[in-house]
Amino acid sequence: MVRLILIISSLVALATIQAIQAVEYEVTNNAIGTPGGTRFENEIGIAYSKQILETGSTFIWQTFRQGEADRKNVQRVSTFIRSMDGVAYTSNNEIHVSANYIAGYSGDVRNEITGVLYHELVHVWQWNGNGQTPGGLIEGIADFVRLKAGFAPSHWVRPGQGDRWDQGYDVTARFLDYCNDLKDGFVADLNSRMRTSYSPNIFVDLLGKTVDQLWNDYKARFGG
């Protein structure tokens, strides 16, 4: 009887954990009838986008080396294709992608939007030091994940280019890639440290040099 109670308790606990961990992915095309909305339907599609959200989340968790207990408790990620300026943004676990951008993109739009979704998904899952982390670093980590996933566009800067380490996006992503080569798992450790706060001393703790020293080394490594 005791054994049966233990088994039932374990099954209930497992079901509860699975319910907490399950993530629902939704994609809505709010630009139906527009050039961008039509191109989204014809060349990307809702089913493919949901698949990317699922596989992208798994890739991000692996890159950040996160188990269930280490990541945010997000139960739903919603993506909206809508008529707006810009490319995309993320707010409150909602990803908004510009149908205008989709309409005007010249090239493989499915590959481009895949990269965009990876970048925006990182904003859903990454830690931000309770708002203390510089915005350039936040964006750089998102593009670092996009880079490691193989969706970096050809127009990105080359390694060594850029004016400062926290310039953001592709510049910071290339720098973080260099730092990650110095210590495997550096970006995962960096993200983990930013769960509660941020300090530039994290770079010293993890790599033994200040971030400015690392940036100078990086510039010298690739000839500026």
N, C-alpha and C. Protein backbone atom coordinates (compact mmCIF):
# COMPACT_ATOMS: atom_id res chain seq x y z
N MET A 1 0.84 -1.20 0.00
CA MET A 1 0.00 0.00 0.00
C MET A 1 0.87 1.26 0.00
N VAL A 2 1.91 1.23 0.85
CA VAL A 2 2.83 2.37 0.94
C VAL A 2 3.51 2.59 -0.41
N ARG A 3 3.90 1.47 -1.03
CA ARG A 3 4.57 1.55 -2.34
C ARG A 3 3.64 2.16 -3.39
N LEU A 4 2.36 1.76 -3.35
CA LEU A 4 1.39 2.28 -4.30
C LEU A 4 1.21 3.78 -4.12
N ILE A 5 1.16 4.21 -2.86
CA ILE A 5 1.01 5.64 -2.57
C ILE A 5 2.22 6.41 -3.09
N LEU A 6 3.42 5.85 -2.91
CA LEU A 6 4.64 6.50 -3.39
C LEU A 6 4.64 6.62 -4.91
N ILE A 7 4.19 5.56 -5.58
CA ILE A 7 4.13 5.58 -7.05
C ILE A 7 3.16 6.64 -7.53
N ILE A 8 1.97 6.68 -6.90
CA ILE A 8 0.97 7.68 -7.30
C ILE A 8 1.49 9.09 -7.04
N SER A 9 2.15 9.30 -5.91
CA SER A 9 2.70 10.61 -5.58
C SER A 9 3.75 11.04 -6.59
N SER A 10 4.58 10.07 -7.02
CA SER A 10 5.62 10.36 -8.01
C SER A 10 5.01 10.75 -9.34
N LEU A 11 3.95 10.02 -9.75
CA LEU A 11 3.29 10.32 -11.02
C LEU A 11 2.64 11.70 -10.99
N VAL A 12 2.02 12.04 -9.87
CA VAL A 12 1.39 13.36 -9.73
C VAL A 12 2.45 14.45 -9.80
N ALA A 13 3.57 14.22 -9.11
CA ALA A 13 4.65 15.21 -9.12
C ALA A 13 5.22 15.38 -10.51
N LEU A 14 5.39 14.27 -11.23
CA LEU A 14 5.92 14.33 -12.59
C LEU A 14 4.97 15.08 -13.51
N ALA A 15 3.68 14.79 -13.38
CA ALA A 15 2.69 15.48 -14.21
C ALA A 15 2.69 16.98 -13.92
N THR A 16 2.86 17.34 -12.65
CA THR A 16 2.91 18.76 -12.28
C THR A 16 4.12 19.44 -12.88
N ILE A 17 5.27 18.78 -12.81
CA ILE A 17 6.51 19.34 -13.37
C ILE A 17 6.37 19.52 -14.87
N GLN A 18 5.82 18.51 -15.55
CA GLN A 18 5.66 18.59 -17.00
C GLN A 18 4.72 19.71 -17.38
N ALA A 19 3.68 19.92 -16.58
CA ALA A 19 2.74 20.99 -16.88
C ALA A 19 3.41 22.35 -16.74
N ILE A 20 4.28 22.48 -15.72
CA ILE A 20 4.99 23.73 -15.51
C ILE A 20 5.99 23.99 -16.63
N GLN A 21 6.68 22.92 -17.07
CA GLN A 21 7.74 23.06 -18.04
C GLN A 21 7.24 23.20 -19.47
N ALA A 22 6.02 22.74 -19.74
CA ALA A 22 5.51 22.77 -21.10
C ALA A 22 5.40 24.20 -21.59
N VAL A 23 5.84 24.42 -22.82
CA VAL A 23 5.77 25.75 -23.41
C VAL A 23 4.86 25.67 -24.63
N GLU A 24 3.93 26.58 -24.72
CA GLU A 24 3.02 26.67 -25.85
C GLU A 24 3.51 27.76 -26.80
N TYR A 25 3.55 27.43 -28.08
CA TYR A 25 4.03 28.38 -29.07
C TYR A 25 2.87 28.74 -30.02
N GLU A 26 2.65 30.03 -30.18
CA GLU A 26 1.57 30.49 -31.04
C GLU A 26 2.11 31.47 -32.08
N VAL A 27 1.62 31.39 -33.29
CA VAL A 27 2.00 32.32 -34.36
C VAL A 27 0.72 32.82 -35.02
N THR A 28 0.60 34.14 -35.13
CA THR A 28 -0.59 34.75 -35.72
C THR A 28 -0.16 35.75 -36.79
N ASN A 29 -0.76 35.61 -37.96
CA ASN A 29 -0.49 36.55 -39.05
C ASN A 29 -1.56 37.63 -39.02
N ASN A 30 -1.19 38.79 -38.47
CA ASN A 30 -2.12 39.91 -38.40
C ASN A 30 -2.00 40.85 -39.60
N ALA A 31 -1.24 40.41 -40.61
CA ALA A 31 -1.03 41.25 -41.79
C ALA A 31 -1.58 40.59 -43.05
N ILE A 32 -2.58 39.74 -42.88
CA ILE A 32 -3.19 39.06 -44.03
C ILE A 32 -3.72 40.09 -45.02
N GLY A 33 -3.41 39.88 -46.28
CA GLY A 33 -3.86 40.79 -47.32
C GLY A 33 -2.86 41.85 -47.70
N THR A 34 -1.81 42.02 -46.86
CA THR A 34 -0.74 42.96 -47.19
C THR A 34 0.35 42.21 -47.94
N PRO A 35 1.24 42.92 -48.65
CA PRO A 35 2.33 42.22 -49.35
C PRO A 35 3.19 41.37 -48.42
N GLY A 36 3.50 41.92 -47.24
CA GLY A 36 4.31 41.16 -46.29
C GLY A 36 3.58 39.98 -45.70
N GLY A 37 2.30 40.17 -45.40
CA GLY A 37 1.52 39.07 -44.86
C GLY A 37 1.36 37.95 -45.86
N THR A 38 1.19 38.31 -47.11
CA THR A 38 1.05 37.31 -48.16
C THR A 38 2.36 36.57 -48.39
N ARG A 39 3.46 37.31 -48.37
CA ARG A 39 4.76 36.66 -48.56
C ARG A 39 5.07 35.74 -47.39
N PHE A 40 4.68 36.15 -46.18
CA PHE A 40 4.85 35.28 -45.02
C PHE A 40 4.11 33.97 -45.23
N GLU A 41 2.86 34.05 -45.68
CA GLU A 41 2.06 32.85 -45.89
C GLU A 41 2.68 31.94 -46.95
N ASN A 42 3.18 32.55 -48.04
CA ASN A 42 3.67 31.76 -49.17
C ASN A 42 5.07 31.20 -48.97
N GLU A 43 5.94 31.93 -48.27
CA GLU A 43 7.35 31.54 -48.21
C GLU A 43 7.83 31.12 -46.82
N ILE A 44 7.05 31.39 -45.80
CA ILE A 44 7.47 31.02 -44.43
C ILE A 44 6.39 30.15 -43.79
N GLY A 45 5.28 30.73 -43.45
CA GLY A 45 4.15 29.97 -42.93
C GLY A 45 4.12 29.83 -41.42
N ILE A 46 2.92 29.61 -40.91
CA ILE A 46 2.72 29.48 -39.47
C ILE A 46 3.33 28.19 -38.94
N ALA A 47 3.13 27.08 -39.65
CA ALA A 47 3.64 25.79 -39.17
C ALA A 47 5.16 25.81 -39.05
N TYR A 48 5.83 26.36 -40.07
CA TYR A 48 7.29 26.42 -40.03
C TYR A 48 7.75 27.34 -38.89
N SER A 49 7.08 28.45 -38.71
CA SER A 49 7.46 29.40 -37.66
C SER A 49 7.33 28.78 -36.28
N LYS A 50 6.26 28.02 -36.05
CA LYS A 50 6.08 27.35 -34.76
C LYS A 50 7.18 26.31 -34.55
N GLN A 51 7.55 25.62 -35.62
CA GLN A 51 8.64 24.65 -35.52
C GLN A 51 9.94 25.33 -35.12
N ILE A 52 10.20 26.50 -35.71
CA ILE A 52 11.42 27.23 -35.38
C ILE A 52 11.40 27.71 -33.94
N LEU A 53 10.25 28.15 -33.45
CA LEU A 53 10.15 28.57 -32.06
C LEU A 53 10.47 27.41 -31.12
N GLU A 54 10.01 26.23 -31.46
CA GLU A 54 10.27 25.05 -30.62
C GLU A 54 11.74 24.64 -30.67
N THR A 55 12.26 24.46 -31.88
CA THR A 55 13.66 24.02 -32.00
C THR A 55 14.61 25.13 -31.56
N GLY A 56 14.22 26.37 -31.81
CA GLY A 56 15.05 27.49 -31.38
C GLY A 56 15.16 27.57 -29.88
N SER A 57 14.07 27.37 -29.18
CA SER A 57 14.10 27.39 -27.72
C SER A 57 15.02 26.30 -27.19
N THR A 58 14.91 25.11 -27.75
CA THR A 58 15.79 24.01 -27.33
C THR A 58 17.25 24.35 -27.56
N PHE A 59 17.55 24.95 -28.72
CA PHE A 59 18.93 25.34 -29.02
C PHE A 59 19.43 26.38 -28.03
N ILE A 60 18.58 27.33 -27.68
CA ILE A 60 18.97 28.37 -26.72
C ILE A 60 19.25 27.76 -25.36
N TRP A 61 18.39 26.87 -24.89
CA TRP A 61 18.62 26.22 -23.60
C TRP A 61 19.93 25.45 -23.62
N GLN A 62 20.23 24.79 -24.73
CA GLN A 62 21.49 24.04 -24.83
C GLN A 62 22.68 24.98 -24.85
N THR A 63 22.56 26.10 -25.58
CA THR A 63 23.65 27.07 -25.63
C THR A 63 23.90 27.68 -24.26
N PHE A 64 22.84 27.97 -23.53
CA PHE A 64 22.96 28.52 -22.18
C PHE A 64 23.21 27.44 -21.14
N ARG A 65 23.21 26.17 -21.58
CA ARG A 65 23.45 25.03 -20.68
C ARG A 65 22.48 25.06 -19.50
N GLN A 66 21.22 25.21 -19.83
CA GLN A 66 20.18 25.33 -18.82
C GLN A 66 19.31 24.08 -18.74
N GLY A 67 19.13 23.62 -17.52
CA GLY A 67 18.10 22.63 -17.27
C GLY A 67 16.80 23.36 -16.96
N GLU A 68 15.76 22.59 -16.67
CA GLU A 68 14.46 23.21 -16.42
C GLU A 68 14.50 24.17 -15.24
N ALA A 69 15.29 23.83 -14.22
CA ALA A 69 15.33 24.66 -13.02
C ALA A 69 16.12 25.95 -13.22
N ASP A 70 16.90 26.02 -14.30
CA ASP A 70 17.79 27.16 -14.51
C ASP A 70 17.20 28.23 -15.42
N ARG A 71 16.11 27.94 -16.09
CA ARG A 71 15.59 28.89 -17.07
C ARG A 71 14.29 29.52 -16.58
N LYS A 72 13.87 30.54 -17.30
CA LYS A 72 12.66 31.26 -16.94
C LYS A 72 11.44 30.34 -17.03
N ASN A 73 10.49 30.62 -16.18
CA ASN A 73 9.24 29.86 -16.21
C ASN A 73 8.27 30.56 -17.17
N VAL A 74 8.49 30.31 -18.44
CA VAL A 74 7.65 30.88 -19.49
C VAL A 74 6.77 29.76 -20.04
N GLN A 75 5.48 29.96 -20.02
CA GLN A 75 4.56 28.91 -20.45
C GLN A 75 4.02 29.13 -21.86
N ARG A 76 4.12 30.36 -22.35
CA ARG A 76 3.61 30.64 -23.70
C ARG A 76 4.48 31.69 -24.37
N VAL A 77 4.84 31.42 -25.63
CA VAL A 77 5.54 32.38 -26.46
C VAL A 77 4.66 32.65 -27.67
N SER A 78 4.24 33.89 -27.83
CA SER A 78 3.35 34.27 -28.92
C SER A 78 4.10 35.13 -29.93
N THR A 79 3.90 34.83 -31.21
CA THR A 79 4.53 35.60 -32.28
C THR A 79 3.46 36.19 -33.18
N PHE A 80 3.63 37.47 -33.49
CA PHE A 80 2.65 38.16 -34.33
C PHE A 80 3.36 38.78 -35.54
N ILE A 81 2.86 38.48 -36.72
CA ILE A 81 3.32 39.13 -37.95
C ILE A 81 2.40 40.32 -38.16
N ARG A 82 2.96 41.52 -38.16
CA ARG A 82 2.10 42.70 -38.23
C ARG A 82 2.76 43.81 -39.03
N SER A 83 1.93 44.69 -39.56
CA SER A 83 2.42 45.83 -40.32
C SER A 83 3.03 46.85 -39.37
N MET A 84 4.33 47.06 -39.48
CA MET A 84 5.02 48.01 -38.62
C MET A 84 6.39 48.30 -39.22
N ASP A 85 7.04 49.35 -38.71
CA ASP A 85 8.39 49.67 -39.15
C ASP A 85 9.39 48.76 -38.43
N GLY A 86 10.65 48.83 -38.85
CA GLY A 86 11.69 48.04 -38.21
C GLY A 86 11.70 46.60 -38.67
N VAL A 87 12.31 45.75 -37.86
CA VAL A 87 12.42 44.32 -38.18
C VAL A 87 11.58 43.49 -37.21
N ALA A 88 11.88 43.60 -35.93
CA ALA A 88 11.17 42.81 -34.93
C ALA A 88 11.52 43.33 -33.54
N TYR A 89 10.67 43.00 -32.58
CA TYR A 89 10.97 43.30 -31.18
C TYR A 89 10.24 42.30 -30.30
N THR A 90 10.70 42.18 -29.06
CA THR A 90 10.10 41.25 -28.11
C THR A 90 9.69 41.99 -26.86
N SER A 91 8.47 41.71 -26.37
CA SER A 91 7.97 42.34 -25.16
C SER A 91 7.04 41.37 -24.45
N ASN A 92 7.31 41.13 -23.17
CA ASN A 92 6.43 40.27 -22.37
C ASN A 92 6.18 38.91 -23.03
N ASN A 93 7.27 38.28 -23.50
CA ASN A 93 7.20 36.96 -24.13
C ASN A 93 6.38 36.94 -25.41
N GLU A 94 6.22 38.13 -26.00
CA GLU A 94 5.56 38.25 -27.30
C GLU A 94 6.56 38.77 -28.32
N ILE A 95 6.68 38.07 -29.44
CA ILE A 95 7.57 38.47 -30.52
C ILE A 95 6.74 39.11 -31.62
N HIS A 96 7.13 40.30 -32.02
CA HIS A 96 6.43 41.02 -33.08
C HIS A 96 7.38 41.16 -34.28
N VAL A 97 6.97 40.64 -35.42
CA VAL A 97 7.80 40.66 -36.62
C VAL A 97 7.14 41.54 -37.67
N SER A 98 7.95 42.37 -38.31
CA SER A 98 7.44 43.33 -39.28
C SER A 98 7.10 42.69 -40.62
N ALA A 99 5.84 42.79 -40.99
CA ALA A 99 5.43 42.34 -42.33
C ALA A 99 6.02 43.24 -43.40
N ASN A 100 6.24 44.52 -43.07
CA ASN A 100 6.87 45.44 -44.01
C ASN A 100 8.28 44.98 -44.35
N TYR A 101 9.00 44.50 -43.31
CA TYR A 101 10.36 44.01 -43.53
C TYR A 101 10.34 42.75 -44.39
N ILE A 102 9.41 41.87 -44.12
CA ILE A 102 9.29 40.64 -44.91
C ILE A 102 9.01 40.98 -46.37
N ALA A 103 8.15 41.94 -46.59
CA ALA A 103 7.78 42.31 -47.96
C ALA A 103 8.98 42.88 -48.73
N GLY A 104 9.81 43.65 -48.05
CA GLY A 104 10.89 44.34 -48.74
C GLY A 104 12.22 43.62 -48.74
N TYR A 105 12.29 42.45 -48.06
CA TYR A 105 13.57 41.75 -47.98
C TYR A 105 13.91 41.08 -49.31
N SER A 106 15.12 41.34 -49.79
CA SER A 106 15.56 40.72 -51.04
C SER A 106 16.49 39.56 -50.71
N GLY A 107 16.06 38.38 -51.04
CA GLY A 107 16.87 37.20 -50.73
C GLY A 107 16.00 36.11 -50.13
N ASP A 108 16.64 35.17 -49.47
CA ASP A 108 15.95 34.04 -48.86
C ASP A 108 15.26 34.52 -47.59
N VAL A 109 14.01 34.91 -47.71
CA VAL A 109 13.32 35.50 -46.57
C VAL A 109 13.05 34.48 -45.48
N ARG A 110 12.89 33.22 -45.83
CA ARG A 110 12.66 32.20 -44.79
C ARG A 110 13.90 32.07 -43.90
N ASN A 111 15.07 32.02 -44.50
CA ASN A 111 16.31 31.92 -43.73
C ASN A 111 16.51 33.16 -42.86
N GLU A 112 16.20 34.34 -43.42
CA GLU A 112 16.36 35.58 -42.68
C GLU A 112 15.43 35.64 -41.48
N ILE A 113 14.18 35.31 -41.67
CA ILE A 113 13.21 35.37 -40.57
C ILE A 113 13.51 34.28 -39.54
N THR A 114 14.06 33.17 -39.98
CA THR A 114 14.50 32.16 -39.02
C THR A 114 15.53 32.75 -38.07
N GLY A 115 16.51 33.45 -38.64
CA GLY A 115 17.52 34.11 -37.81
C GLY A 115 16.93 35.16 -36.90
N VAL A 116 15.99 35.91 -37.42
CA VAL A 116 15.31 36.94 -36.61
C VAL A 116 14.58 36.29 -35.44
N LEU A 117 13.89 35.18 -35.69
CA LEU A 117 13.16 34.50 -34.62
C LEU A 117 14.12 33.96 -33.56
N TYR A 118 15.26 33.42 -33.99
CA TYR A 118 16.26 32.96 -33.01
C TYR A 118 16.69 34.12 -32.12
N HIS A 119 17.00 35.26 -32.74
CA HIS A 119 17.44 36.43 -31.99
C HIS A 119 16.37 36.85 -30.98
N GLU A 120 15.14 36.97 -31.43
CA GLU A 120 14.07 37.43 -30.55
C GLU A 120 13.75 36.41 -29.45
N LEU A 121 13.87 35.13 -29.77
CA LEU A 121 13.65 34.09 -28.76
C LEU A 121 14.64 34.20 -27.61
N VAL A 122 15.87 34.59 -27.94
CA VAL A 122 16.86 34.76 -26.88
C VAL A 122 16.37 35.79 -25.86
N HIS A 123 15.74 36.84 -26.34
CA HIS A 123 15.22 37.86 -25.43
C HIS A 123 14.14 37.30 -24.51
N VAL A 124 13.43 36.28 -24.98
CA VAL A 124 12.44 35.63 -24.13
C VAL A 124 13.12 34.87 -23.00
N TRP A 125 14.23 34.18 -23.31
CA TRP A 125 14.82 33.22 -22.37
C TRP A 125 16.02 33.75 -21.59
N GLN A 126 16.72 34.76 -22.08
CA GLN A 126 17.95 35.19 -21.43
C GLN A 126 17.67 35.95 -20.13
N TRP A 127 18.66 35.96 -19.23
CA TRP A 127 18.61 36.78 -18.03
C TRP A 127 19.21 38.15 -18.35
N ASN A 128 18.75 39.16 -17.65
CA ASN A 128 19.23 40.52 -17.95
C ASN A 128 19.74 41.27 -16.73
N GLY A 129 20.12 40.52 -15.69
CA GLY A 129 20.68 41.17 -14.50
C GLY A 129 19.67 42.07 -13.81
N ASN A 130 18.40 41.69 -13.86
CA ASN A 130 17.34 42.51 -13.28
C ASN A 130 17.38 43.94 -13.82
N GLY A 131 17.64 44.03 -15.13
CA GLY A 131 17.63 45.33 -15.79
C GLY A 131 18.93 46.09 -15.72
N GLN A 132 19.97 45.49 -15.11
CA GLN A 132 21.25 46.17 -14.96
C GLN A 132 22.21 45.95 -16.13
N THR A 133 21.96 44.95 -16.94
CA THR A 133 22.88 44.60 -18.03
C THR A 133 22.78 45.63 -19.15
N PRO A 134 23.91 46.09 -19.69
CA PRO A 134 23.88 47.04 -20.81
C PRO A 134 23.11 46.48 -22.00
N GLY A 135 22.35 47.35 -22.66
CA GLY A 135 21.54 46.91 -23.78
C GLY A 135 22.37 46.31 -24.90
N GLY A 136 23.57 46.86 -25.11
CA GLY A 136 24.44 46.33 -26.16
C GLY A 136 24.83 44.88 -25.90
N LEU A 137 25.03 44.54 -24.64
CA LEU A 137 25.38 43.16 -24.29
C LEU A 137 24.18 42.24 -24.47
N ILE A 138 23.00 42.71 -24.08
CA ILE A 138 21.78 41.94 -24.27
C ILE A 138 21.59 41.59 -25.75
N GLU A 139 21.72 42.60 -26.61
CA GLU A 139 21.55 42.37 -28.05
C GLU A 139 22.68 41.52 -28.61
N GLY A 140 23.88 41.69 -28.07
CA GLY A 140 25.01 40.90 -28.54
C GLY A 140 24.86 39.42 -28.23
N ILE A 141 24.33 39.11 -27.05
CA ILE A 141 24.10 37.70 -26.70
C ILE A 141 23.06 37.10 -27.63
N ALA A 142 22.03 37.87 -27.96
CA ALA A 142 21.00 37.36 -28.87
C ALA A 142 21.58 37.07 -30.24
N ASP A 143 22.44 37.95 -30.73
CA ASP A 143 23.07 37.70 -32.04
C ASP A 143 24.14 36.62 -31.95
N PHE A 144 24.76 36.45 -30.78
CA PHE A 144 25.72 35.35 -30.60
C PHE A 144 25.02 34.01 -30.80
N VAL A 145 23.84 33.87 -30.21
CA VAL A 145 23.08 32.62 -30.37
C VAL A 145 22.69 32.43 -31.83
N ARG A 146 22.27 33.52 -32.48
CA ARG A 146 21.93 33.44 -33.91
C ARG A 146 23.15 33.00 -34.71
N LEU A 147 24.31 33.52 -34.36
CA LEU A 147 25.56 33.14 -35.03
C LEU A 147 25.85 31.66 -34.85
N LYS A 148 25.76 31.18 -33.62
CA LYS A 148 26.08 29.77 -33.34
C LYS A 148 25.06 28.83 -33.98
N ALA A 149 23.84 29.34 -34.20
CA ALA A 149 22.81 28.50 -34.84
C ALA A 149 23.00 28.44 -36.35
N GLY A 150 23.89 29.28 -36.90
CA GLY A 150 24.17 29.23 -38.33
C GLY A 150 23.28 30.14 -39.16
N PHE A 151 22.71 31.17 -38.54
CA PHE A 151 21.82 32.06 -39.27
C PHE A 151 22.33 33.51 -39.30
N ALA A 152 23.64 33.68 -39.27
CA ALA A 152 24.21 35.02 -39.37
C ALA A 152 24.17 35.47 -40.83
N PRO A 153 23.57 36.62 -41.13
CA PRO A 153 23.50 37.09 -42.52
C PRO A 153 24.85 37.58 -43.02
N SER A 154 24.98 37.65 -44.32
CA SER A 154 26.27 38.00 -44.94
C SER A 154 26.69 39.44 -44.67
N HIS A 155 25.75 40.31 -44.33
CA HIS A 155 26.08 41.71 -44.14
C HIS A 155 26.64 42.02 -42.75
N TRP A 156 26.71 41.03 -41.87
CA TRP A 156 27.28 41.26 -40.55
C TRP A 156 28.74 41.68 -40.65
N VAL A 157 29.22 42.39 -39.61
CA VAL A 157 30.64 42.75 -39.55
C VAL A 157 31.48 41.49 -39.45
N ARG A 158 32.74 41.63 -39.84
CA ARG A 158 33.67 40.52 -39.71
C ARG A 158 34.31 40.54 -38.32
N PRO A 159 34.88 39.41 -37.89
CA PRO A 159 35.56 39.40 -36.59
C PRO A 159 36.62 40.50 -36.51
N GLY A 160 36.63 41.20 -35.40
CA GLY A 160 37.60 42.28 -35.20
C GLY A 160 37.06 43.66 -35.52
N GLN A 161 35.97 43.73 -36.24
CA GLN A 161 35.42 45.03 -36.59
C GLN A 161 34.54 45.56 -35.46
N GLY A 162 34.32 46.87 -35.48
CA GLY A 162 33.49 47.50 -34.46
C GLY A 162 34.28 48.50 -33.65
N ASP A 163 33.57 49.41 -32.97
CA ASP A 163 34.20 50.49 -32.22
C ASP A 163 34.35 50.20 -30.74
N ARG A 164 33.44 49.41 -30.18
CA ARG A 164 33.53 49.11 -28.75
C ARG A 164 32.82 47.79 -28.47
N TRP A 165 33.18 47.16 -27.37
CA TRP A 165 32.70 45.81 -27.10
C TRP A 165 31.18 45.74 -26.89
N ASP A 166 30.59 46.82 -26.34
CA ASP A 166 29.16 46.80 -26.07
C ASP A 166 28.38 47.58 -27.13
N GLN A 167 28.91 47.62 -28.34
CA GLN A 167 28.22 48.27 -29.44
C GLN A 167 26.91 47.56 -29.78
N GLY A 168 26.85 46.29 -29.45
CA GLY A 168 25.62 45.53 -29.63
C GLY A 168 25.58 44.72 -30.90
N TYR A 169 24.55 43.89 -31.00
CA TYR A 169 24.24 43.11 -32.19
C TYR A 169 25.46 42.35 -32.71
N ASP A 170 25.76 42.44 -34.02
CA ASP A 170 26.80 41.61 -34.61
C ASP A 170 28.18 41.93 -34.08
N VAL A 171 28.46 43.22 -33.75
CA VAL A 171 29.77 43.59 -33.22
C VAL A 171 30.03 42.86 -31.90
N THR A 172 29.08 42.96 -30.99
CA THR A 172 29.24 42.31 -29.69
C THR A 172 29.17 40.80 -29.81
N ALA A 173 28.36 40.30 -30.75
CA ALA A 173 28.27 38.86 -30.96
C ALA A 173 29.63 38.28 -31.37
N ARG A 174 30.33 38.95 -32.28
CA ARG A 174 31.65 38.49 -32.71
C ARG A 174 32.63 38.51 -31.54
N PHE A 175 32.55 39.54 -30.71
CA PHE A 175 33.43 39.63 -29.54
C PHE A 175 33.12 38.51 -28.55
N LEU A 176 31.85 38.25 -28.31
CA LEU A 176 31.48 37.17 -27.40
C LEU A 176 31.91 35.82 -27.94
N ASP A 177 31.89 35.66 -29.24
CA ASP A 177 32.34 34.41 -29.85
C ASP A 177 33.83 34.21 -29.57
N TYR A 178 34.59 35.30 -29.65
CA TYR A 178 36.02 35.25 -29.30
C TYR A 178 36.20 34.86 -27.83
N CYS A 179 35.42 35.50 -26.95
CA CYS A 179 35.51 35.18 -25.52
C CYS A 179 35.11 33.73 -25.25
N ASN A 180 34.12 33.25 -25.96
CA ASN A 180 33.67 31.87 -25.78
C ASN A 180 34.70 30.87 -26.25
N ASP A 181 35.52 31.27 -27.24
CA ASP A 181 36.62 30.41 -27.67
C ASP A 181 37.72 30.35 -26.62
N LEU A 182 37.88 31.44 -25.85
CA LEU A 182 38.87 31.45 -24.77
C LEU A 182 38.46 30.51 -23.65
N LYS A 183 37.17 30.43 -23.39
CA LYS A 183 36.65 29.55 -22.34
C LYS A 183 35.33 28.97 -22.81
N ASP A 184 35.33 27.70 -23.14
CA ASP A 184 34.12 27.05 -23.62
C ASP A 184 33.00 27.19 -22.59
N GLY A 185 31.87 27.68 -23.05
CA GLY A 185 30.75 27.88 -22.14
C GLY A 185 30.73 29.24 -21.48
N PHE A 186 31.60 30.14 -21.93
CA PHE A 186 31.66 31.47 -21.33
C PHE A 186 30.31 32.19 -21.39
N VAL A 187 29.66 32.19 -22.56
CA VAL A 187 28.39 32.91 -22.70
C VAL A 187 27.32 32.27 -21.81
N ALA A 188 27.34 30.97 -21.68
CA ALA A 188 26.40 30.30 -20.78
C ALA A 188 26.64 30.74 -19.34
N ASP A 189 27.91 30.80 -18.94
CA ASP A 189 28.23 31.25 -17.58
C ASP A 189 27.86 32.72 -17.39
N LEU A 190 28.12 33.52 -18.41
CA LEU A 190 27.77 34.95 -18.35
C LEU A 190 26.28 35.12 -18.14
N ASN A 191 25.48 34.41 -18.93
CA ASN A 191 24.03 34.50 -18.80
C ASN A 191 23.57 34.04 -17.42
N SER A 192 24.17 32.97 -16.92
CA SER A 192 23.80 32.46 -15.61
C SER A 192 24.09 33.47 -14.51
N ARG A 193 25.24 34.14 -14.62
CA ARG A 193 25.61 35.15 -13.63
C ARG A 193 24.65 36.34 -13.64
N MET A 194 24.02 36.58 -14.78
CA MET A 194 23.13 37.73 -14.91
C MET A 194 21.71 37.41 -14.47
N ARG A 195 21.52 36.29 -13.83
CA ARG A 195 20.17 35.93 -13.37
C ARG A 195 19.65 36.93 -12.34
N THR A 196 20.53 37.43 -11.50
CA THR A 196 20.10 38.34 -10.44
C THR A 196 20.69 39.74 -10.55
N SER A 197 21.87 39.89 -11.17
CA SER A 197 22.51 41.20 -11.26
C SER A 197 23.56 41.18 -12.35
N TYR A 198 24.17 42.33 -12.60
CA TYR A 198 25.24 42.41 -13.59
C TYR A 198 26.35 43.30 -13.07
N SER A 199 27.58 42.90 -13.37
CA SER A 199 28.76 43.71 -13.11
C SER A 199 29.80 43.37 -14.17
N PRO A 200 30.55 44.36 -14.68
CA PRO A 200 31.60 44.05 -15.64
C PRO A 200 32.69 43.16 -15.05
N ASN A 201 32.70 43.03 -13.72
CA ASN A 201 33.67 42.15 -13.08
C ASN A 201 33.43 40.68 -13.42
N ILE A 202 32.26 40.38 -13.98
CA ILE A 202 31.98 39.00 -14.40
C ILE A 202 33.04 38.55 -15.40
N PHE A 203 33.46 39.46 -16.30
CA PHE A 203 34.49 39.11 -17.28
C PHE A 203 35.79 38.76 -16.59
N VAL A 204 36.15 39.50 -15.55
CA VAL A 204 37.38 39.21 -14.79
C VAL A 204 37.26 37.87 -14.11
N ASP A 205 36.12 37.62 -13.49
CA ASP A 205 35.92 36.36 -12.77
C ASP A 205 36.01 35.16 -13.71
N LEU A 206 35.47 35.30 -14.91
CA LEU A 206 35.41 34.15 -15.82
C LEU A 206 36.63 34.01 -16.71
N LEU A 207 37.25 35.14 -17.08
CA LEU A 207 38.36 35.09 -18.05
C LEU A 207 39.66 35.69 -17.53
N GLY A 208 39.64 36.26 -16.35
CA GLY A 208 40.88 36.76 -15.75
C GLY A 208 41.34 38.11 -16.26
N LYS A 209 40.56 38.77 -17.08
CA LYS A 209 40.90 40.09 -17.60
C LYS A 209 39.65 40.97 -17.60
N THR A 210 39.89 42.29 -17.57
CA THR A 210 38.75 43.20 -17.69
C THR A 210 38.19 43.11 -19.10
N VAL A 211 36.96 43.56 -19.26
CA VAL A 211 36.34 43.50 -20.57
C VAL A 211 37.08 44.41 -21.55
N ASP A 212 37.64 45.52 -21.07
CA ASP A 212 38.40 46.41 -21.96
C ASP A 212 39.70 45.75 -22.41
N GLN A 213 40.35 45.02 -21.51
CA GLN A 213 41.56 44.27 -21.90
C GLN A 213 41.21 43.21 -22.93
N LEU A 214 40.12 42.53 -22.72
CA LEU A 214 39.69 41.49 -23.65
C LEU A 214 39.36 42.09 -25.02
N TRP A 215 38.73 43.25 -25.02
CA TRP A 215 38.40 43.92 -26.28
C TRP A 215 39.68 44.31 -27.03
N ASN A 216 40.67 44.81 -26.30
CA ASN A 216 41.95 45.17 -26.94
C ASN A 216 42.63 43.94 -27.51
N ASP A 217 42.59 42.83 -26.77
CA ASP A 217 43.17 41.57 -27.26
C ASP A 217 42.44 41.10 -28.50
N TYR A 218 41.14 41.23 -28.48
CA TYR A 218 40.30 40.82 -29.61
C TYR A 218 40.63 41.64 -30.86
N LYS A 219 40.76 42.94 -30.71
CA LYS A 219 41.09 43.80 -31.83
C LYS A 219 42.47 43.46 -32.38
N ALA A 220 43.42 43.18 -31.49
CA ALA A 220 44.77 42.83 -31.92
C ALA A 220 44.79 41.47 -32.62
N ARG A 221 43.95 40.55 -32.12
CA ARG A 221 43.91 39.21 -32.70
C ARG A 221 43.47 39.25 -34.16
N PHE A 222 42.54 40.13 -34.46
CA PHE A 222 42.01 40.19 -35.82
C PHE A 222 42.45 41.44 -36.58
N GLY A 223 43.50 42.07 -36.10
CA GLY A 223 44.05 43.22 -36.81
C GLY A 223 43.15 44.44 -36.81
N GLY A 224 42.33 44.58 -35.78
CA GLY A 224 41.49 45.77 -35.67
C GLY A 224 40.28 45.72 -36.54
